[in-house]
Amino acid sequence: METYAVVRTEHLNHNGTLFGGQLLLWVDEYAWMAASLDFPGKKLVTRAMDTVEFKYSAHSGSILRFDITQKLLGTTSVKYHVDVFADEVGASKEKIIFSNCVTFVAVGKDGKKTPLK
């Protein structure tokens, strides 16, 4: 799945660049959307995120592209790889600013793990 977001003033930190928590929110939300589309009818919750390392900053007006691909499929869980690219205002090409993997687990009404299939 591929989706986009625009960095706006309300997304900035005290240094005038994209707040890391906002980026993590988008990564988790968009990966969850991809998983929900791949497994309709399943209740999916975030289980884990891999190492969080911000490679580059993004500034107000940047267009972020989120490239989300399914990486691993288990019995009750699924892992998605997320690459985030920034197209900065005035730049000639986008650059990768963040990569991570997000793992989701399917749960039943009782909150316990349930098979995805």
N, C-alpha and C. Protein backbone atom coordinates (compact mmCIF):
# COMPACT_ATOMS: atom_id res chain seq x y z
N MET A 1 0.85 -1.16 0.00
CA MET A 1 0.00 0.00 0.00
C MET A 1 0.90 1.23 0.00
N GLU A 2 0.43 2.25 -0.63
CA GLU A 2 1.15 3.52 -0.65
C GLU A 2 0.16 4.62 -0.29
N THR A 3 0.60 5.53 0.57
CA THR A 3 -0.24 6.65 0.97
C THR A 3 0.65 7.86 1.25
N TYR A 4 0.02 9.00 1.44
CA TYR A 4 0.77 10.26 1.58
C TYR A 4 0.25 11.09 2.74
N ALA A 5 1.12 11.98 3.23
CA ALA A 5 0.75 12.97 4.25
C ALA A 5 1.56 14.23 3.98
N VAL A 6 1.00 15.37 4.35
CA VAL A 6 1.70 16.65 4.23
C VAL A 6 2.11 17.09 5.63
N VAL A 7 3.36 17.49 5.79
CA VAL A 7 3.83 18.01 7.06
C VAL A 7 3.34 19.45 7.19
N ARG A 8 2.57 19.69 8.23
CA ARG A 8 2.01 21.02 8.48
C ARG A 8 2.60 21.59 9.77
N THR A 9 2.35 22.86 10.01
CA THR A 9 2.88 23.55 11.18
C THR A 9 2.54 22.81 12.47
N GLU A 10 1.33 22.28 12.58
CA GLU A 10 0.92 21.60 13.81
C GLU A 10 1.65 20.28 14.04
N HIS A 11 2.41 19.81 13.04
CA HIS A 11 3.17 18.56 13.16
C HIS A 11 4.62 18.79 13.58
N LEU A 12 5.00 20.04 13.78
CA LEU A 12 6.41 20.37 14.04
C LEU A 12 6.75 20.35 15.52
N ASN A 13 8.02 20.07 15.81
CA ASN A 13 8.52 20.11 17.18
C ASN A 13 9.11 21.48 17.49
N HIS A 14 9.74 21.61 18.63
CA HIS A 14 10.33 22.87 19.07
C HIS A 14 11.49 23.31 18.19
N ASN A 15 12.02 22.39 17.39
CA ASN A 15 13.15 22.70 16.50
C ASN A 15 12.69 23.08 15.09
N GLY A 16 11.37 23.07 14.87
CA GLY A 16 10.83 23.45 13.56
C GLY A 16 10.84 22.33 12.53
N THR A 17 11.05 21.08 12.99
CA THR A 17 11.01 19.93 12.08
C THR A 17 9.91 18.97 12.55
N LEU A 18 9.62 17.98 11.73
CA LEU A 18 8.55 17.03 12.04
C LEU A 18 8.80 16.36 13.39
N PHE A 19 7.80 16.40 14.26
CA PHE A 19 7.84 15.75 15.57
C PHE A 19 7.86 14.24 15.35
N GLY A 20 8.82 13.55 15.98
CA GLY A 20 8.96 12.11 15.81
C GLY A 20 7.72 11.34 16.20
N GLY A 21 7.03 11.79 17.24
CA GLY A 21 5.81 11.11 17.66
C GLY A 21 4.72 11.16 16.61
N GLN A 22 4.66 12.26 15.86
CA GLN A 22 3.68 12.38 14.78
C GLN A 22 4.00 11.38 13.67
N LEU A 23 5.28 11.25 13.34
CA LEU A 23 5.68 10.29 12.31
C LEU A 23 5.35 8.87 12.75
N LEU A 24 5.63 8.54 14.00
CA LEU A 24 5.30 7.20 14.50
C LEU A 24 3.80 6.94 14.48
N LEU A 25 3.01 7.96 14.79
CA LEU A 25 1.56 7.82 14.72
C LEU A 25 1.13 7.45 13.30
N TRP A 26 1.66 8.20 12.30
CA TRP A 26 1.31 7.91 10.91
C TRP A 26 1.77 6.51 10.50
N VAL A 27 2.99 6.14 10.87
CA VAL A 27 3.51 4.81 10.51
C VAL A 27 2.61 3.72 11.06
N ASP A 28 2.24 3.82 12.33
CA ASP A 28 1.39 2.82 12.96
C ASP A 28 0.00 2.80 12.32
N GLU A 29 -0.57 3.98 12.13
CA GLU A 29 -1.92 4.07 11.57
C GLU A 29 -1.98 3.55 10.14
N TYR A 30 -1.04 3.96 9.30
CA TYR A 30 -1.07 3.54 7.90
C TYR A 30 -0.75 2.06 7.74
N ALA A 31 0.16 1.54 8.56
CA ALA A 31 0.44 0.10 8.51
C ALA A 31 -0.79 -0.69 8.97
N TRP A 32 -1.48 -0.17 10.01
CA TRP A 32 -2.70 -0.82 10.47
C TRP A 32 -3.77 -0.84 9.35
N MET A 33 -3.87 0.27 8.61
CA MET A 33 -4.83 0.32 7.50
C MET A 33 -4.50 -0.76 6.46
N ALA A 34 -3.22 -0.89 6.13
CA ALA A 34 -2.81 -1.92 5.15
C ALA A 34 -3.18 -3.30 5.66
N ALA A 35 -2.89 -3.56 6.93
CA ALA A 35 -3.22 -4.87 7.51
C ALA A 35 -4.73 -5.11 7.53
N SER A 36 -5.48 -4.08 7.87
CA SER A 36 -6.95 -4.21 7.91
C SER A 36 -7.53 -4.49 6.53
N LEU A 37 -6.94 -3.91 5.51
CA LEU A 37 -7.39 -4.18 4.14
C LEU A 37 -7.01 -5.59 3.70
N ASP A 38 -5.84 -6.07 4.16
CA ASP A 38 -5.39 -7.42 3.81
C ASP A 38 -6.18 -8.50 4.56
N PHE A 39 -6.68 -8.15 5.76
CA PHE A 39 -7.39 -9.12 6.60
C PHE A 39 -8.73 -8.55 7.05
N PRO A 40 -9.66 -8.38 6.10
CA PRO A 40 -10.96 -7.78 6.43
C PRO A 40 -11.70 -8.61 7.49
N GLY A 41 -12.35 -7.90 8.37
CA GLY A 41 -13.14 -8.56 9.40
C GLY A 41 -12.33 -8.95 10.63
N LYS A 42 -11.02 -8.80 10.59
CA LYS A 42 -10.18 -9.15 11.73
C LYS A 42 -9.89 -7.92 12.58
N LYS A 43 -9.88 -8.10 13.89
CA LYS A 43 -9.52 -7.02 14.81
C LYS A 43 -8.02 -7.14 15.04
N LEU A 44 -7.29 -6.12 14.59
CA LEU A 44 -5.83 -6.14 14.67
C LEU A 44 -5.33 -5.07 15.62
N VAL A 45 -4.37 -5.44 16.45
CA VAL A 45 -3.76 -4.48 17.37
C VAL A 45 -2.24 -4.50 17.17
N THR A 46 -1.61 -3.36 17.42
CA THR A 46 -0.17 -3.26 17.29
C THR A 46 0.50 -4.08 18.38
N ARG A 47 1.40 -4.94 17.98
CA ARG A 47 2.15 -5.78 18.93
C ARG A 47 3.54 -5.22 19.17
N ALA A 48 4.19 -4.74 18.07
CA ALA A 48 5.57 -4.28 18.20
C ALA A 48 5.97 -3.40 17.04
N MET A 49 6.98 -2.58 17.29
CA MET A 49 7.68 -1.83 16.26
C MET A 49 9.15 -2.17 16.42
N ASP A 50 9.86 -2.30 15.31
CA ASP A 50 11.29 -2.54 15.38
C ASP A 50 12.01 -1.28 15.83
N THR A 51 13.29 -1.29 15.77
CA THR A 51 14.10 -0.16 16.18
C THR A 51 13.64 1.13 15.51
N VAL A 52 13.52 2.17 16.32
CA VAL A 52 13.10 3.48 15.81
C VAL A 52 14.34 4.35 15.66
N GLU A 53 14.64 4.72 14.43
CA GLU A 53 15.78 5.59 14.14
C GLU A 53 15.37 6.56 13.04
N PHE A 54 15.38 7.83 13.39
CA PHE A 54 15.02 8.87 12.43
C PHE A 54 16.28 9.24 11.63
N LYS A 55 16.26 8.98 10.32
CA LYS A 55 17.44 9.20 9.48
C LYS A 55 17.63 10.66 9.11
N TYR A 56 16.54 11.33 8.77
CA TYR A 56 16.59 12.73 8.37
C TYR A 56 15.34 13.44 8.89
N SER A 57 15.45 14.75 9.02
CA SER A 57 14.30 15.57 9.42
C SER A 57 13.43 15.87 8.21
N ALA A 58 12.19 16.22 8.49
CA ALA A 58 11.28 16.70 7.44
C ALA A 58 10.75 18.06 7.90
N HIS A 59 10.52 18.94 6.96
CA HIS A 59 10.11 20.31 7.27
C HIS A 59 8.67 20.57 6.82
N SER A 60 8.13 21.65 7.33
CA SER A 60 6.78 22.04 6.96
C SER A 60 6.66 22.16 5.44
N GLY A 61 5.60 21.62 4.91
CA GLY A 61 5.37 21.65 3.47
C GLY A 61 5.85 20.40 2.75
N SER A 62 6.63 19.57 3.42
CA SER A 62 7.11 18.33 2.81
C SER A 62 5.95 17.38 2.56
N ILE A 63 6.01 16.68 1.45
CA ILE A 63 5.05 15.62 1.17
C ILE A 63 5.72 14.31 1.53
N LEU A 64 5.12 13.56 2.44
CA LEU A 64 5.67 12.28 2.85
C LEU A 64 4.95 11.16 2.12
N ARG A 65 5.74 10.22 1.62
CA ARG A 65 5.18 9.03 0.97
C ARG A 65 5.49 7.83 1.84
N PHE A 66 4.45 7.07 2.18
CA PHE A 66 4.58 5.89 3.01
C PHE A 66 4.41 4.66 2.11
N ASP A 67 5.45 3.85 2.01
CA ASP A 67 5.41 2.63 1.22
C ASP A 67 5.34 1.46 2.21
N ILE A 68 4.22 0.75 2.20
CA ILE A 68 3.95 -0.27 3.21
C ILE A 68 3.78 -1.63 2.52
N THR A 69 4.62 -2.59 2.91
CA THR A 69 4.56 -3.92 2.30
C THR A 69 4.53 -5.00 3.37
N GLN A 70 3.74 -6.04 3.12
CA GLN A 70 3.69 -7.16 4.05
C GLN A 70 5.02 -7.90 3.98
N LYS A 71 5.58 -8.19 5.15
CA LYS A 71 6.90 -8.82 5.20
C LYS A 71 6.81 -10.27 5.67
N LEU A 72 6.13 -10.51 6.78
CA LEU A 72 6.01 -11.86 7.35
C LEU A 72 4.58 -12.13 7.78
N LEU A 73 4.13 -13.35 7.55
CA LEU A 73 2.79 -13.75 7.95
C LEU A 73 2.88 -14.97 8.84
N GLY A 74 2.35 -14.85 10.04
CA GLY A 74 2.31 -15.97 10.98
C GLY A 74 0.89 -16.47 11.12
N THR A 75 0.66 -17.27 12.13
CA THR A 75 -0.67 -17.81 12.37
C THR A 75 -1.62 -16.75 12.91
N THR A 76 -1.12 -15.96 13.87
CA THR A 76 -1.96 -14.93 14.50
C THR A 76 -1.43 -13.52 14.28
N SER A 77 -0.24 -13.40 13.68
CA SER A 77 0.36 -12.08 13.52
C SER A 77 0.87 -11.86 12.10
N VAL A 78 1.06 -10.58 11.80
CA VAL A 78 1.57 -10.19 10.48
C VAL A 78 2.47 -8.98 10.68
N LYS A 79 3.56 -8.95 9.91
CA LYS A 79 4.54 -7.87 10.02
C LYS A 79 4.59 -7.10 8.70
N TYR A 80 4.61 -5.77 8.81
CA TYR A 80 4.68 -4.89 7.65
C TYR A 80 5.94 -4.04 7.73
N HIS A 81 6.60 -3.90 6.59
CA HIS A 81 7.75 -3.00 6.48
C HIS A 81 7.24 -1.66 5.95
N VAL A 82 7.67 -0.57 6.61
CA VAL A 82 7.24 0.77 6.23
C VAL A 82 8.47 1.62 5.92
N ASP A 83 8.54 2.13 4.71
CA ASP A 83 9.55 3.12 4.32
C ASP A 83 8.84 4.46 4.17
N VAL A 84 9.46 5.51 4.71
CA VAL A 84 8.89 6.85 4.60
C VAL A 84 9.87 7.73 3.83
N PHE A 85 9.35 8.34 2.78
CA PHE A 85 10.15 9.22 1.92
C PHE A 85 9.62 10.64 2.06
N ALA A 86 10.53 11.61 2.03
CA ALA A 86 10.12 13.02 2.10
C ALA A 86 10.47 13.71 0.79
N ASP A 87 9.50 14.42 0.25
CA ASP A 87 9.70 15.29 -0.90
C ASP A 87 9.65 16.71 -0.35
N GLU A 88 10.82 17.24 -0.05
CA GLU A 88 10.93 18.57 0.56
C GLU A 88 10.60 19.65 -0.46
N VAL A 89 10.09 20.76 0.01
CA VAL A 89 9.80 21.90 -0.84
C VAL A 89 11.10 22.34 -1.52
N GLY A 90 11.09 22.42 -2.84
CA GLY A 90 12.25 22.86 -3.60
C GLY A 90 13.27 21.78 -3.93
N ALA A 91 13.09 20.56 -3.39
CA ALA A 91 14.03 19.47 -3.66
C ALA A 91 13.78 18.89 -5.05
N SER A 92 14.83 18.35 -5.65
CA SER A 92 14.69 17.76 -6.98
C SER A 92 14.21 16.31 -6.93
N LYS A 93 14.40 15.64 -5.78
CA LYS A 93 13.89 14.27 -5.63
C LYS A 93 13.66 13.97 -4.15
N GLU A 94 12.85 12.97 -3.89
CA GLU A 94 12.56 12.60 -2.52
C GLU A 94 13.72 11.81 -1.91
N LYS A 95 13.75 11.77 -0.57
CA LYS A 95 14.76 10.97 0.12
C LYS A 95 14.09 10.17 1.22
N ILE A 96 14.66 9.02 1.52
CA ILE A 96 14.11 8.18 2.58
C ILE A 96 14.50 8.81 3.92
N ILE A 97 13.51 8.96 4.83
CA ILE A 97 13.80 9.57 6.12
C ILE A 97 13.58 8.60 7.28
N PHE A 98 12.89 7.47 7.03
CA PHE A 98 12.56 6.57 8.12
C PHE A 98 12.18 5.20 7.56
N SER A 99 12.57 4.14 8.25
CA SER A 99 12.17 2.77 7.93
C SER A 99 11.88 2.05 9.23
N ASN A 100 10.90 1.16 9.18
CA ASN A 100 10.55 0.42 10.38
C ASN A 100 9.68 -0.77 9.99
N CYS A 101 9.56 -1.71 10.90
CA CYS A 101 8.60 -2.80 10.74
C CYS A 101 7.62 -2.75 11.90
N VAL A 102 6.36 -2.97 11.57
CA VAL A 102 5.29 -2.96 12.57
C VAL A 102 4.62 -4.32 12.54
N THR A 103 4.47 -4.92 13.72
CA THR A 103 3.82 -6.22 13.84
C THR A 103 2.44 -6.04 14.47
N PHE A 104 1.46 -6.68 13.86
CA PHE A 104 0.08 -6.67 14.37
C PHE A 104 -0.32 -8.08 14.72
N VAL A 105 -1.19 -8.21 15.71
CA VAL A 105 -1.73 -9.50 16.09
C VAL A 105 -3.25 -9.41 16.01
N ALA A 106 -3.86 -10.50 15.55
CA ALA A 106 -5.32 -10.58 15.49
C ALA A 106 -5.83 -11.03 16.86
N VAL A 107 -6.86 -10.34 17.34
CA VAL A 107 -7.44 -10.70 18.63
C VAL A 107 -8.95 -10.89 18.48
N GLY A 108 -9.48 -11.74 19.34
CA GLY A 108 -10.92 -11.99 19.36
C GLY A 108 -11.60 -11.04 20.32
N LYS A 109 -12.89 -11.25 20.51
CA LYS A 109 -13.68 -10.40 21.41
C LYS A 109 -13.16 -10.43 22.85
N ASP A 110 -12.52 -11.54 23.20
CA ASP A 110 -11.98 -11.69 24.56
C ASP A 110 -10.58 -11.07 24.70
N GLY A 111 -10.06 -10.51 23.60
CA GLY A 111 -8.74 -9.88 23.64
C GLY A 111 -7.59 -10.86 23.48
N LYS A 112 -7.90 -12.13 23.27
CA LYS A 112 -6.85 -13.14 23.10
C LYS A 112 -6.56 -13.37 21.63
N LYS A 113 -5.34 -13.82 21.36
CA LYS A 113 -4.92 -14.06 19.98
C LYS A 113 -5.88 -15.01 19.28
N THR A 114 -6.06 -14.74 17.98
CA THR A 114 -6.93 -15.58 17.16
C THR A 114 -6.27 -15.71 15.78
N PRO A 115 -6.48 -16.82 15.09
CA PRO A 115 -5.86 -17.00 13.76
C PRO A 115 -6.31 -15.93 12.77
N LEU A 116 -5.38 -15.56 11.89
CA LEU A 116 -5.68 -14.59 10.84
C LEU A 116 -6.53 -15.19 9.73
N LYS A 117 -6.32 -16.44 9.44
CA LYS A 117 -7.04 -17.09 8.33
C LYS A 117 -8.30 -17.77 8.80
